[in-house]
C-alpha cells in the first residue's frame, strides 16, 4: 500500500503561526501550540521538492519518546487533553 506524503498542511480550525522547512506551527489557544511534522525534507536551508512519506510520523515519534523520557526533568510540553481534541480535526483536514 502506497502512502501519500504530507508536504503541506491546511487546518482551518487553527491559525497558522509559522510554516517552517519541515514543521508547521498552529495556534490552538493562548496556552497551546500544535506542531505538525510534515514529510518535507530540507538540506542547506532549502526545502527539497520530493517529500519522504511518513517522515513526519517518525519525527513525531522520536520527539514524543524524548519528551516522555524527560518528563520528570522538566515540565512536559505535551498536553494530552489538547492533543486528543486536535487529532480528529487534524486527521480529517490532512486526508
Protein backbone atom coordinates (compact mmCIF):
# COMPACT_ATOMS: atom_id res chain seq x y z
CA UNK A 1 0.00 0.00 0.00
CA UNK A 2 1.39 3.38 -1.02
CA UNK A 3 1.10 6.22 1.46
CA UNK A 4 0.87 9.77 0.12
CA UNK A 5 3.47 12.15 1.50
CA UNK A 6 2.27 15.09 3.57
CA UNK A 7 4.10 18.10 2.18
CA UNK A 8 1.52 20.77 3.05
CA UNK A 9 -0.94 21.18 5.91
CA UNK A 10 -4.13 23.17 6.00
CA UNK A 11 -6.01 23.19 9.28
CA UNK A 12 -8.72 25.86 9.03
CA UNK A 13 -9.78 25.22 12.65
CA UNK A 14 -6.47 26.72 13.82
CA UNK A 15 -4.46 29.82 12.97
CA UNK A 16 -1.23 29.08 11.11
CA UNK A 17 1.51 30.74 13.14
CA UNK A 18 4.57 29.62 11.17
CA UNK A 19 5.42 27.32 8.30
CA UNK A 20 8.99 26.09 8.70
CA UNK A 21 11.14 23.93 6.48
CA UNK A 22 9.78 20.72 8.00
CA UNK A 23 7.19 21.65 10.64
CA UNK A 24 4.03 23.77 10.59
CA UNK A 25 3.01 25.52 13.80
CA UNK A 26 -0.63 26.34 14.58
CA UNK A 27 -2.15 28.27 17.48
CA UNK A 28 -4.70 26.14 19.34
CA UNK A 29 -5.42 28.65 22.10
CA UNK A 30 -3.43 31.22 24.07
CA UNK A 31 -1.62 28.47 26.02
CA UNK A 32 -1.14 25.77 23.37
CA UNK A 33 0.54 25.32 20.01
CA UNK A 34 0.07 22.41 17.63
CA UNK A 35 3.30 21.45 15.85
CA UNK A 36 2.78 19.27 12.80
CA UNK A 37 5.85 17.46 11.47
CA UNK A 38 5.41 17.07 7.72
CA UNK A 39 7.17 14.80 5.25
CA UNK A 40 9.10 17.74 3.73
CA UNK A 41 12.86 17.41 3.70
CA UNK A 42 15.41 20.18 3.75
CA UNK A 43 19.08 20.49 3.09
CA UNK A 44 21.29 23.56 3.28
CA UNK A 45 18.29 25.76 4.26
CA UNK A 46 16.26 24.73 1.21
CA UNK A 47 13.13 22.60 1.01
CA UNK A 48 13.71 19.75 -1.43
CA UNK A 49 10.96 19.01 -3.97
CA UNK A 50 10.32 15.36 -3.10
CA UNK A 51 8.92 14.64 0.39
CA UNK A 52 9.53 11.31 2.13
CA UNK A 53 6.27 9.52 3.04
CA UNK A 54 5.76 9.01 6.80
CA UNK A 55 8.85 11.05 7.73
CA UNK A 56 6.65 13.32 9.87
CA UNK A 57 5.36 10.32 11.81
CA UNK A 58 8.93 9.23 12.57
CA UNK A 59 9.94 12.75 13.70
CA UNK A 60 6.88 12.97 15.93
CA UNK A 61 7.55 9.53 17.46
CA UNK A 62 11.16 10.47 18.21
CA UNK A 63 10.15 13.78 19.80
CA UNK A 64 7.44 12.15 21.87
CA UNK A 65 9.87 9.46 23.10
CA UNK A 66 12.32 12.08 24.37
CA UNK A 67 9.64 14.32 25.86
CA UNK A 68 8.19 11.37 27.78
CA UNK A 69 11.67 10.17 28.84
CA UNK A 70 12.47 13.50 30.46
CA UNK A 71 9.05 14.36 31.85
CA UNK A 72 10.45 14.27 35.39
CA UNK A 73 13.31 16.63 34.49
CA UNK A 74 11.21 19.49 33.21
CA UNK A 75 7.62 20.48 32.70
CA UNK A 76 6.22 18.38 29.90
CA UNK A 77 5.31 20.24 26.74
CA UNK A 78 2.83 17.59 25.69
CA UNK A 79 -0.72 18.43 26.64
CA UNK A 80 -2.61 15.17 26.17
CA UNK A 81 -6.15 16.57 26.62
CA UNK A 82 -5.47 19.22 23.96
CA UNK A 83 -3.75 16.64 21.77
CA UNK A 84 -6.73 14.30 21.92
CA UNK A 85 -9.00 17.17 20.83
CA UNK A 86 -6.73 18.17 17.95
CA UNK A 87 -6.05 14.76 16.44
CA UNK A 88 -9.54 14.13 14.99
CA UNK A 89 -9.55 17.62 13.44
CA UNK A 90 -6.07 17.12 12.01
CA UNK A 91 -6.84 13.68 10.61
CA UNK A 92 -9.94 15.00 8.90
CA UNK A 93 -8.10 18.03 7.46
CA UNK A 94 -4.97 16.19 6.35
CA UNK A 95 -6.60 13.35 4.42
